[in-house]
Amino acid sequence: CCVRGLDWATGDEIPKAFVVLKVNGERPLTAETLMEYVASKVAGYKRVREVEFIAAIPKSLSGKILRRQLQLQQDKPVEAARSTRSRL
């Protein structure tokens, strides 16, 4: 799991969790369940507002999470939408 601030045009950073699911016999984890759990443990402004399930979290050779790479992947659709609007 990795949590990043989601940069919007307003400059706000909204906490978004990137989660890799483990396959096991228990009931599957849902985004709502995860958000409710986190909300019960942290302050209101820190609660996760979005959850994205991904296949793997990018890591460096030393095993550290590459948070910047996740941020860049998240910003690609926003950049594409901005460039499309500017051409119209």
Foldseek 3Di string as FASTA:
>chain_A
DDWWFAQDPVRGTAIEEEAEDDDDDDDGDDPVNQQVVQPVPDDPRPGHDYYHYDNDFDADPVGHGPVVVVNVVSCVVVVVVVVVVVVD
